[in-house]
Structure formats: structure tokens, C-alpha cells
């Protein structure tokens, strides 16, 4: 793996479709997205190849960091690839691959994030991804006040 890439994973105690839905449905994303202490007051997702997304990471100081990009691969409920651009960085977009795998304890979410501008940016994201995956796990386990039972609108 190159110095400007990272890979991580987490087993989430829910079936693959529910985890995929939590990752791609704006109303659900807003309930768990963001590494602590960030929250997500806004999520827009056009889930199709060529579709865009935009997520808000709201910090305790009231500043919002926008994350946006374009979907380059969508395979429901198996895998996603999309560009990743932070409003606070002037770098070229990085590229994110997320895959969802059946696991005896639920679903393994695997993240491979590549094309970071440098090691410091990669390391920032490594911490952020651990926080996000922890929150997703808690949400799917029912720790969120809203719970994970909402279904994806069809």
C-alpha cells in the first residue's frame, strides 16, 4: 500500500442491506455520520454513477466542513466508489472505496481511501474513519436515540 492510501474495516452487527442503507440514505446518515465530536446536520446523496453527494461535518465551534464528491461505482448493497473533497483542503479530490461483506456477526465494512495529498492528510482521515465506523457500529446496535430501524425510501 502506498503512503498516500489507507485501509480499515469494522464489523457492524446488522445485515448488509441495513448497513448499506445507513451509509447511503440521507436521513440515516445524519443520525450517525462524523467522527466525534462532529455531527451531520445535512446530507444530500444522489446514489447513482455520476450522482453527487454532500455531507456536513459540524464541529463544536459551529464551523462546518463540507465533504462532497461524485459516485464512480454503485453496486447495491455490495460496494461504492466515489471522489472525496473536503471544503477545508485545496488538494485534488481523493478516492474512496467502501465495500460491505457478509460476516458471521453481521457486516464487515471495508474502507480503502487513496490519492491523499500527503501522509498528514492520510493520518487525519485514518482517525476520522475510526470515529465514523465506531459511530456506525453504535447506531446499528441501537445506541442512537433514533435507532437503526428506519427503512430506505424506495
N, C-alpha and C. Protein backbone atom coordinates (compact mmCIF):
# COMPACT_ATOMS: atom_id res chain seq x y z
N UNK A 1 0.85 -1.18 0.00
CA UNK A 1 0.00 0.00 0.00
C UNK A 1 0.90 1.24 0.00
N UNK A 2 0.53 2.23 -0.77
CA UNK A 2 1.28 3.48 -0.85
C UNK A 2 1.10 4.31 0.42
N UNK A 3 2.03 5.21 0.66
CA UNK A 3 1.97 6.09 1.84
C UNK A 3 0.78 7.04 1.79
N UNK A 4 0.18 7.22 0.61
CA UNK A 4 -0.96 8.12 0.47
C UNK A 4 -2.28 7.36 0.37
N UNK A 5 -2.31 6.15 0.95
CA UNK A 5 -3.52 5.33 0.99
C UNK A 5 -3.75 4.84 2.41
N UNK A 6 -4.99 4.48 2.71
CA UNK A 6 -5.28 3.81 3.97
C UNK A 6 -6.39 2.81 3.77
N UNK A 7 -6.34 1.77 4.56
CA UNK A 7 -7.39 0.75 4.57
C UNK A 7 -7.75 0.47 6.02
N UNK A 8 -9.04 0.29 6.26
CA UNK A 8 -9.52 -0.05 7.59
C UNK A 8 -10.83 -0.79 7.44
N UNK A 9 -11.28 -1.43 8.50
CA UNK A 9 -12.56 -2.14 8.43
C UNK A 9 -13.17 -2.21 9.83
N UNK A 10 -14.43 -2.58 9.85
CA UNK A 10 -15.16 -2.72 11.11
C UNK A 10 -16.31 -3.69 10.88
N UNK A 11 -16.54 -4.59 11.82
CA UNK A 11 -17.71 -5.46 11.76
C UNK A 11 -18.84 -4.77 12.49
N UNK A 12 -19.97 -4.67 11.82
CA UNK A 12 -21.16 -3.99 12.34
C UNK A 12 -22.24 -5.05 12.53
N UNK A 13 -22.92 -5.01 13.66
CA UNK A 13 -23.91 -6.03 13.99
C UNK A 13 -25.26 -5.71 13.37
N UNK A 14 -25.31 -5.88 12.05
CA UNK A 14 -26.56 -5.70 11.28
C UNK A 14 -26.34 -6.33 9.93
N UNK A 15 -27.43 -6.68 9.25
CA UNK A 15 -27.26 -7.30 7.94
C UNK A 15 -26.78 -6.28 6.90
N UNK A 16 -26.24 -6.80 5.82
CA UNK A 16 -25.58 -5.96 4.82
C UNK A 16 -26.51 -4.89 4.24
N UNK A 17 -27.75 -5.21 3.93
CA UNK A 17 -28.65 -4.22 3.34
C UNK A 17 -28.91 -3.07 4.32
N UNK A 18 -29.10 -3.39 5.60
CA UNK A 18 -29.34 -2.33 6.59
C UNK A 18 -28.12 -1.42 6.74
N UNK A 19 -26.93 -2.01 6.72
CA UNK A 19 -25.71 -1.21 6.84
C UNK A 19 -25.52 -0.34 5.60
N UNK A 20 -25.75 -0.93 4.44
CA UNK A 20 -25.65 -0.16 3.19
C UNK A 20 -26.64 1.00 3.20
N UNK A 21 -27.86 0.74 3.63
CA UNK A 21 -28.87 1.79 3.72
C UNK A 21 -28.45 2.89 4.68
N UNK A 22 -27.89 2.52 5.82
CA UNK A 22 -27.43 3.52 6.80
C UNK A 22 -26.33 4.39 6.20
N UNK A 23 -25.54 3.83 5.28
CA UNK A 23 -24.43 4.55 4.65
C UNK A 23 -24.91 5.47 3.53
N UNK A 24 -26.07 5.16 2.94
CA UNK A 24 -26.47 5.86 1.71
C UNK A 24 -27.80 6.59 1.77
N UNK A 25 -28.51 6.53 2.86
CA UNK A 25 -29.81 7.20 3.00
C UNK A 25 -29.61 8.47 3.84
N UNK A 26 -29.84 9.64 3.25
CA UNK A 26 -29.56 10.90 3.97
C UNK A 26 -30.12 10.97 5.39
N UNK A 27 -31.37 10.56 5.58
CA UNK A 27 -31.99 10.65 6.91
C UNK A 27 -31.25 9.78 7.92
N UNK A 28 -30.72 8.65 7.48
CA UNK A 28 -29.97 7.77 8.37
C UNK A 28 -28.55 8.27 8.57
N UNK A 29 -27.91 8.72 7.50
CA UNK A 29 -26.54 9.24 7.59
C UNK A 29 -26.47 10.36 8.64
N UNK A 30 -27.44 11.24 8.64
CA UNK A 30 -27.44 12.36 9.58
C UNK A 30 -27.47 11.91 11.05
N UNK A 31 -27.90 10.68 11.29
CA UNK A 31 -28.00 10.19 12.66
C UNK A 31 -26.70 9.61 13.21
N UNK A 32 -25.74 9.28 12.33
CA UNK A 32 -24.51 8.66 12.84
C UNK A 32 -23.22 9.24 12.25
N UNK A 33 -23.27 9.94 11.15
CA UNK A 33 -22.06 10.33 10.43
C UNK A 33 -21.20 11.31 11.22
N UNK A 34 -19.91 11.16 11.04
CA UNK A 34 -18.93 12.09 11.57
C UNK A 34 -18.17 11.51 12.75
N UNK A 35 -16.86 11.71 12.75
CA UNK A 35 -16.10 11.28 13.92
C UNK A 35 -16.38 12.24 15.07
N UNK A 36 -16.52 11.72 16.29
CA UNK A 36 -16.74 12.63 17.42
C UNK A 36 -15.65 13.69 17.49
N UNK A 37 -15.98 14.91 17.77
CA UNK A 37 -17.27 15.42 18.24
C UNK A 37 -18.16 15.97 17.12
N UNK A 38 -17.82 15.69 15.85
CA UNK A 38 -18.61 16.21 14.73
C UNK A 38 -19.98 15.55 14.65
N UNK A 39 -20.95 16.30 14.15
CA UNK A 39 -22.27 15.78 13.83
C UNK A 39 -22.56 16.12 12.38
N UNK A 40 -23.66 15.58 11.87
CA UNK A 40 -24.01 15.77 10.45
C UNK A 40 -25.41 16.37 10.34
N UNK A 41 -25.52 17.69 10.28
CA UNK A 41 -26.84 18.30 10.18
C UNK A 41 -27.43 18.27 8.76
N UNK A 42 -26.60 17.96 7.76
CA UNK A 42 -27.08 17.96 6.39
C UNK A 42 -26.40 16.85 5.60
N UNK A 43 -27.20 16.09 4.85
CA UNK A 43 -26.67 15.03 3.98
C UNK A 43 -27.52 15.00 2.71
N UNK A 44 -26.86 15.11 1.58
CA UNK A 44 -27.52 15.02 0.27
C UNK A 44 -26.81 13.91 -0.49
N UNK A 45 -27.57 12.93 -0.99
CA UNK A 45 -26.97 11.79 -1.67
C UNK A 45 -27.81 11.42 -2.89
N UNK A 46 -27.20 11.50 -4.07
CA UNK A 46 -27.82 11.06 -5.32
C UNK A 46 -27.10 9.76 -5.71
N UNK A 47 -27.62 8.65 -5.23
CA UNK A 47 -26.95 7.36 -5.29
C UNK A 47 -27.07 6.72 -6.67
N UNK A 48 -26.17 7.12 -7.56
CA UNK A 48 -26.07 6.55 -8.90
C UNK A 48 -24.71 6.95 -9.45
N UNK A 49 -24.21 6.17 -10.39
CA UNK A 49 -22.94 6.54 -11.02
C UNK A 49 -23.12 7.91 -11.66
N UNK A 50 -22.23 8.82 -11.34
CA UNK A 50 -22.34 10.20 -11.83
C UNK A 50 -23.12 11.10 -10.89
N UNK A 51 -23.80 10.50 -9.91
CA UNK A 51 -24.54 11.29 -8.93
C UNK A 51 -23.59 11.88 -7.90
N UNK A 52 -24.04 12.95 -7.26
CA UNK A 52 -23.18 13.63 -6.29
C UNK A 52 -23.68 13.39 -4.87
N UNK A 53 -22.83 13.73 -3.93
CA UNK A 53 -23.21 13.71 -2.52
C UNK A 53 -22.56 14.92 -1.86
N UNK A 54 -23.13 15.31 -0.73
CA UNK A 54 -22.59 16.42 0.06
C UNK A 54 -22.98 16.20 1.51
N UNK A 55 -21.97 16.10 2.38
CA UNK A 55 -22.19 15.86 3.81
C UNK A 55 -21.60 17.00 4.61
N UNK A 56 -22.28 17.38 5.68
CA UNK A 56 -21.79 18.44 6.56
C UNK A 56 -21.21 17.82 7.82
N UNK A 57 -19.99 18.19 8.15
CA UNK A 57 -19.39 17.84 9.44
C UNK A 57 -19.39 19.11 10.28
N UNK A 58 -20.29 19.17 11.26
CA UNK A 58 -20.43 20.34 12.13
C UNK A 58 -19.60 20.14 13.38
N UNK A 59 -18.65 21.05 13.61
CA UNK A 59 -17.80 20.99 14.80
C UNK A 59 -18.42 21.71 15.97
N UNK A 60 -17.85 21.51 17.13
CA UNK A 60 -18.35 22.15 18.35
C UNK A 60 -18.25 23.67 18.27
N UNK A 61 -17.33 24.19 17.47
CA UNK A 61 -17.16 25.64 17.32
C UNK A 61 -18.15 26.24 16.33
N UNK A 62 -19.02 25.42 15.75
CA UNK A 62 -20.02 25.91 14.80
C UNK A 62 -19.54 25.90 13.35
N UNK A 63 -18.27 25.59 13.13
CA UNK A 63 -17.75 25.53 11.76
C UNK A 63 -18.21 24.24 11.09
N UNK A 64 -18.59 24.35 9.81
CA UNK A 64 -18.97 23.19 9.03
C UNK A 64 -17.88 22.90 8.01
N UNK A 65 -17.44 21.65 7.99
CA UNK A 65 -16.55 21.17 6.94
C UNK A 65 -17.44 20.35 5.99
N UNK A 66 -17.47 20.77 4.74
CA UNK A 66 -18.29 20.06 3.75
C UNK A 66 -17.44 18.99 3.08
N UNK A 67 -18.03 17.82 2.92
CA UNK A 67 -17.42 16.72 2.19
C UNK A 67 -18.31 16.47 0.98
N UNK A 68 -17.71 16.45 -0.20
CA UNK A 68 -18.52 16.27 -1.40
C UNK A 68 -17.76 15.47 -2.45
N UNK A 69 -18.50 14.97 -3.41
CA UNK A 69 -17.88 14.23 -4.49
C UNK A 69 -18.91 13.61 -5.42
N UNK A 70 -18.40 12.74 -6.29
CA UNK A 70 -19.21 12.10 -7.33
C UNK A 70 -19.04 10.58 -7.22
N UNK A 71 -20.14 9.86 -7.33
CA UNK A 71 -20.10 8.40 -7.32
C UNK A 71 -19.55 7.89 -8.65
N UNK A 72 -18.55 7.01 -8.56
CA UNK A 72 -17.96 6.41 -9.76
C UNK A 72 -18.34 4.94 -9.90
N UNK A 73 -18.83 4.33 -8.81
CA UNK A 73 -19.27 2.93 -8.83
C UNK A 73 -20.34 2.77 -7.75
N UNK A 74 -21.47 2.18 -8.13
CA UNK A 74 -22.54 1.90 -7.17
C UNK A 74 -23.04 0.49 -7.45
N UNK A 75 -22.87 -0.40 -6.47
CA UNK A 75 -23.36 -1.77 -6.57
C UNK A 75 -24.09 -2.07 -5.26
N UNK A 76 -25.40 -1.94 -5.29
CA UNK A 76 -26.25 -2.09 -4.10
C UNK A 76 -26.42 -3.57 -3.78
N UNK A 77 -26.25 -4.02 -2.57
CA UNK A 77 -25.68 -3.42 -1.37
C UNK A 77 -24.24 -3.88 -1.14
N UNK A 78 -23.43 -3.90 -2.18
CA UNK A 78 -22.11 -4.53 -2.14
C UNK A 78 -20.96 -3.54 -2.03
N UNK A 79 -20.96 -2.50 -2.87
CA UNK A 79 -19.78 -1.64 -2.92
C UNK A 79 -20.11 -0.26 -3.49
N UNK A 80 -19.29 0.71 -3.08
CA UNK A 80 -19.38 2.08 -3.57
C UNK A 80 -17.97 2.59 -3.81
N UNK A 81 -17.81 3.42 -4.82
CA UNK A 81 -16.58 4.20 -5.00
C UNK A 81 -17.01 5.61 -5.32
N UNK A 82 -16.29 6.58 -4.75
CA UNK A 82 -16.62 7.97 -5.02
C UNK A 82 -15.45 8.88 -4.70
N UNK A 83 -15.45 10.02 -5.38
CA UNK A 83 -14.43 11.01 -5.09
C UNK A 83 -14.77 11.67 -3.76
N UNK A 84 -13.75 12.27 -3.14
CA UNK A 84 -13.87 12.79 -1.77
C UNK A 84 -13.13 14.10 -1.70
N UNK A 85 -13.85 15.17 -1.47
CA UNK A 85 -13.24 16.51 -1.40
C UNK A 85 -13.72 17.21 -0.14
N UNK A 86 -12.75 17.69 0.66
CA UNK A 86 -13.07 18.47 1.86
C UNK A 86 -13.03 19.96 1.53
N UNK A 87 -13.98 20.70 2.04
CA UNK A 87 -14.04 22.15 1.78
C UNK A 87 -12.86 22.88 2.39
N UNK A 88 -12.20 22.27 3.36
CA UNK A 88 -11.06 22.91 4.04
C UNK A 88 -9.72 22.60 3.40
N UNK A 89 -9.70 21.77 2.36
CA UNK A 89 -8.46 21.40 1.69
C UNK A 89 -8.52 21.81 0.22
N UNK A 90 -7.42 22.34 -0.28
CA UNK A 90 -7.38 22.75 -1.68
C UNK A 90 -6.85 21.64 -2.59
N UNK A 91 -6.53 20.49 -2.01
CA UNK A 91 -5.98 19.37 -2.77
C UNK A 91 -6.99 18.86 -3.79
N UNK A 92 -6.47 18.09 -4.74
CA UNK A 92 -7.35 17.37 -5.67
C UNK A 92 -8.16 16.36 -4.86
N UNK A 93 -9.35 15.99 -5.34
CA UNK A 93 -10.15 15.00 -4.60
C UNK A 93 -9.40 13.68 -4.44
N UNK A 94 -9.62 13.03 -3.32
CA UNK A 94 -9.11 11.68 -3.13
C UNK A 94 -10.20 10.71 -3.61
N UNK A 95 -9.93 9.43 -3.51
CA UNK A 95 -10.87 8.43 -4.00
C UNK A 95 -11.15 7.42 -2.88
N UNK A 96 -12.43 7.18 -2.63
CA UNK A 96 -12.86 6.30 -1.56
C UNK A 96 -13.57 5.08 -2.14
N UNK A 97 -13.23 3.91 -1.60
CA UNK A 97 -13.90 2.66 -1.94
C UNK A 97 -14.44 2.08 -0.64
N UNK A 98 -15.73 1.78 -0.61
CA UNK A 98 -16.36 1.18 0.57
C UNK A 98 -17.03 -0.10 0.10
N UNK A 99 -16.77 -1.20 0.80
CA UNK A 99 -17.44 -2.45 0.45
C UNK A 99 -18.07 -3.05 1.69
N UNK A 100 -19.13 -3.80 1.46
CA UNK A 100 -19.96 -4.36 2.53
C UNK A 100 -19.98 -5.87 2.35
N UNK A 101 -19.47 -6.62 3.36
CA UNK A 101 -19.30 -8.07 3.24
C UNK A 101 -20.06 -8.79 4.35
N UNK A 102 -20.78 -9.84 3.97
CA UNK A 102 -21.44 -10.67 4.97
C UNK A 102 -20.38 -11.21 5.93
N UNK A 103 -20.74 -11.23 7.21
CA UNK A 103 -19.84 -11.69 8.27
C UNK A 103 -20.70 -12.45 9.28
N UNK A 104 -20.16 -13.48 9.94
CA UNK A 104 -20.97 -14.22 10.92
C UNK A 104 -21.60 -13.35 12.00
N UNK A 105 -20.99 -12.19 12.30
CA UNK A 105 -21.53 -11.29 13.32
C UNK A 105 -22.31 -10.12 12.73
N UNK A 106 -22.53 -10.10 11.41
CA UNK A 106 -23.26 -9.01 10.78
C UNK A 106 -22.67 -8.67 9.43
N UNK A 107 -22.05 -7.48 9.35
CA UNK A 107 -21.48 -7.00 8.09
C UNK A 107 -20.11 -6.39 8.36
N UNK A 108 -19.15 -6.77 7.55
CA UNK A 108 -17.85 -6.13 7.63
C UNK A 108 -17.83 -4.99 6.61
N UNK A 109 -17.59 -3.78 7.11
CA UNK A 109 -17.46 -2.61 6.25
C UNK A 109 -15.96 -2.39 6.04
N UNK A 110 -15.54 -2.43 4.79
CA UNK A 110 -14.13 -2.23 4.45
C UNK A 110 -13.97 -0.91 3.71
N UNK A 111 -13.01 -0.14 4.15
CA UNK A 111 -12.73 1.16 3.54
C UNK A 111 -11.32 1.14 2.98
N UNK A 112 -11.20 1.56 1.74
CA UNK A 112 -9.88 1.81 1.14
C UNK A 112 -9.95 3.23 0.59
N UNK A 113 -9.13 4.11 1.12
CA UNK A 113 -9.15 5.53 0.74
C UNK A 113 -7.78 5.83 0.15
N UNK A 114 -7.75 6.37 -1.06
CA UNK A 114 -6.49 6.58 -1.76
C UNK A 114 -6.40 7.98 -2.37
N UNK A 115 -5.20 8.29 -2.83
CA UNK A 115 -4.89 9.55 -3.51
C UNK A 115 -4.88 10.75 -2.56
N UNK A 116 -4.45 10.54 -1.33
CA UNK A 116 -4.28 11.67 -0.42
C UNK A 116 -3.10 12.52 -0.88
N UNK A 117 -3.18 13.81 -0.59
CA UNK A 117 -2.11 14.74 -0.98
C UNK A 117 -0.82 14.46 -0.21
N UNK A 118 -0.91 13.86 0.96
CA UNK A 118 0.27 13.58 1.75
C UNK A 118 -0.05 12.72 2.95
N UNK A 119 0.98 12.34 3.67
CA UNK A 119 0.84 11.45 4.82
C UNK A 119 0.03 12.10 5.94
N UNK A 120 0.21 13.40 6.18
CA UNK A 120 -0.53 14.08 7.25
C UNK A 120 -2.03 14.04 6.99
N UNK A 121 -2.43 14.25 5.75
CA UNK A 121 -3.86 14.21 5.39
C UNK A 121 -4.38 12.78 5.55
N UNK A 122 -3.59 11.82 5.13
CA UNK A 122 -3.97 10.41 5.30
C UNK A 122 -4.19 10.09 6.78
N UNK A 123 -3.26 10.52 7.63
CA UNK A 123 -3.36 10.23 9.06
C UNK A 123 -4.58 10.89 9.69
N UNK A 124 -4.91 12.11 9.27
CA UNK A 124 -6.14 12.78 9.72
C UNK A 124 -7.36 11.92 9.40
N UNK A 125 -7.39 11.43 8.18
CA UNK A 125 -8.52 10.62 7.74
C UNK A 125 -8.58 9.27 8.44
N UNK A 126 -7.43 8.69 8.75
CA UNK A 126 -7.43 7.41 9.46
C UNK A 126 -8.15 7.55 10.80
N UNK A 127 -7.87 8.62 11.53
CA UNK A 127 -8.56 8.87 12.80
C UNK A 127 -10.05 9.13 12.57
N UNK A 128 -10.36 9.91 11.55
CA UNK A 128 -11.75 10.21 11.23
C UNK A 128 -12.55 8.96 10.88
N UNK A 129 -11.94 8.08 10.09
CA UNK A 129 -12.65 6.86 9.70
C UNK A 129 -12.91 5.96 10.90
N UNK A 130 -11.96 5.87 11.82
CA UNK A 130 -12.20 5.05 13.01
C UNK A 130 -13.39 5.60 13.81
N UNK A 131 -13.45 6.92 13.96
CA UNK A 131 -14.58 7.54 14.66
C UNK A 131 -15.90 7.30 13.96
N UNK A 132 -15.91 7.43 12.64
CA UNK A 132 -17.14 7.20 11.87
C UNK A 132 -17.59 5.74 11.98
N UNK A 133 -16.66 4.81 11.84
CA UNK A 133 -17.03 3.40 11.91
C UNK A 133 -17.51 3.02 13.31
N UNK A 134 -16.92 3.60 14.34
CA UNK A 134 -17.41 3.37 15.70
C UNK A 134 -18.85 3.86 15.84
N UNK A 135 -19.10 5.04 15.32
CA UNK A 135 -20.47 5.60 15.41
C UNK A 135 -21.47 4.77 14.61
N UNK A 136 -21.05 4.31 13.43
CA UNK A 136 -21.93 3.45 12.64
C UNK A 136 -22.26 2.18 13.42
N UNK A 137 -21.24 1.58 14.03
CA UNK A 137 -21.48 0.37 14.83
C UNK A 137 -22.45 0.62 15.97
N UNK A 138 -22.28 1.73 16.67
CA UNK A 138 -23.20 2.08 17.76
C UNK A 138 -24.61 2.31 17.24
N UNK A 139 -24.72 3.01 16.13
CA UNK A 139 -26.03 3.29 15.54
C UNK A 139 -26.74 2.01 15.15
N UNK A 140 -26.02 1.12 14.48
CA UNK A 140 -26.65 -0.13 14.04
C UNK A 140 -26.99 -1.04 15.21
N UNK A 141 -26.28 -0.89 16.32
CA UNK A 141 -26.57 -1.69 17.51
C UNK A 141 -27.75 -1.11 18.29
N UNK A 142 -28.25 0.05 17.87
CA UNK A 142 -29.41 0.63 18.52
C UNK A 142 -29.09 1.66 19.57
N UNK A 143 -27.82 2.11 19.66
CA UNK A 143 -27.45 3.09 20.67
C UNK A 143 -27.93 4.49 20.34
N UNK A 144 -28.25 4.72 19.08
CA UNK A 144 -28.72 6.05 18.68
C UNK A 144 -30.15 6.23 19.14
N UNK A 145 -30.51 7.44 19.60
CA UNK A 145 -31.89 7.68 20.03
C UNK A 145 -32.90 7.35 18.94
N UNK A 146 -32.55 7.59 17.68
CA UNK A 146 -33.49 7.33 16.59
C UNK A 146 -33.50 5.86 16.20
N UNK A 147 -32.44 5.13 16.55
CA UNK A 147 -32.38 3.71 16.23
C UNK A 147 -32.12 3.45 14.76
N UNK A 148 -31.75 2.22 14.43
CA UNK A 148 -31.40 1.89 13.06
C UNK A 148 -32.53 1.29 12.24
N UNK A 149 -33.74 1.32 12.73
CA UNK A 149 -34.80 0.55 12.08
C UNK A 149 -35.45 1.24 10.88
N UNK A 150 -35.12 2.49 10.64
CA UNK A 150 -35.74 3.18 9.50
C UNK A 150 -35.36 2.49 8.21
N UNK A 151 -36.31 2.35 7.35
CA UNK A 151 -36.06 1.69 6.06
C UNK A 151 -35.69 2.71 5.01
N UNK A 152 -34.98 2.24 4.01
CA UNK A 152 -34.58 3.11 2.90
C UNK A 152 -35.80 3.41 2.05
N UNK A 153 -36.02 4.70 1.77
CA UNK A 153 -37.14 5.05 0.89
C UNK A 153 -36.90 4.44 -0.50
N UNK A 154 -37.90 3.91 -1.09
CA UNK A 154 -37.77 3.30 -2.44
C UNK A 154 -38.65 4.01 -3.41
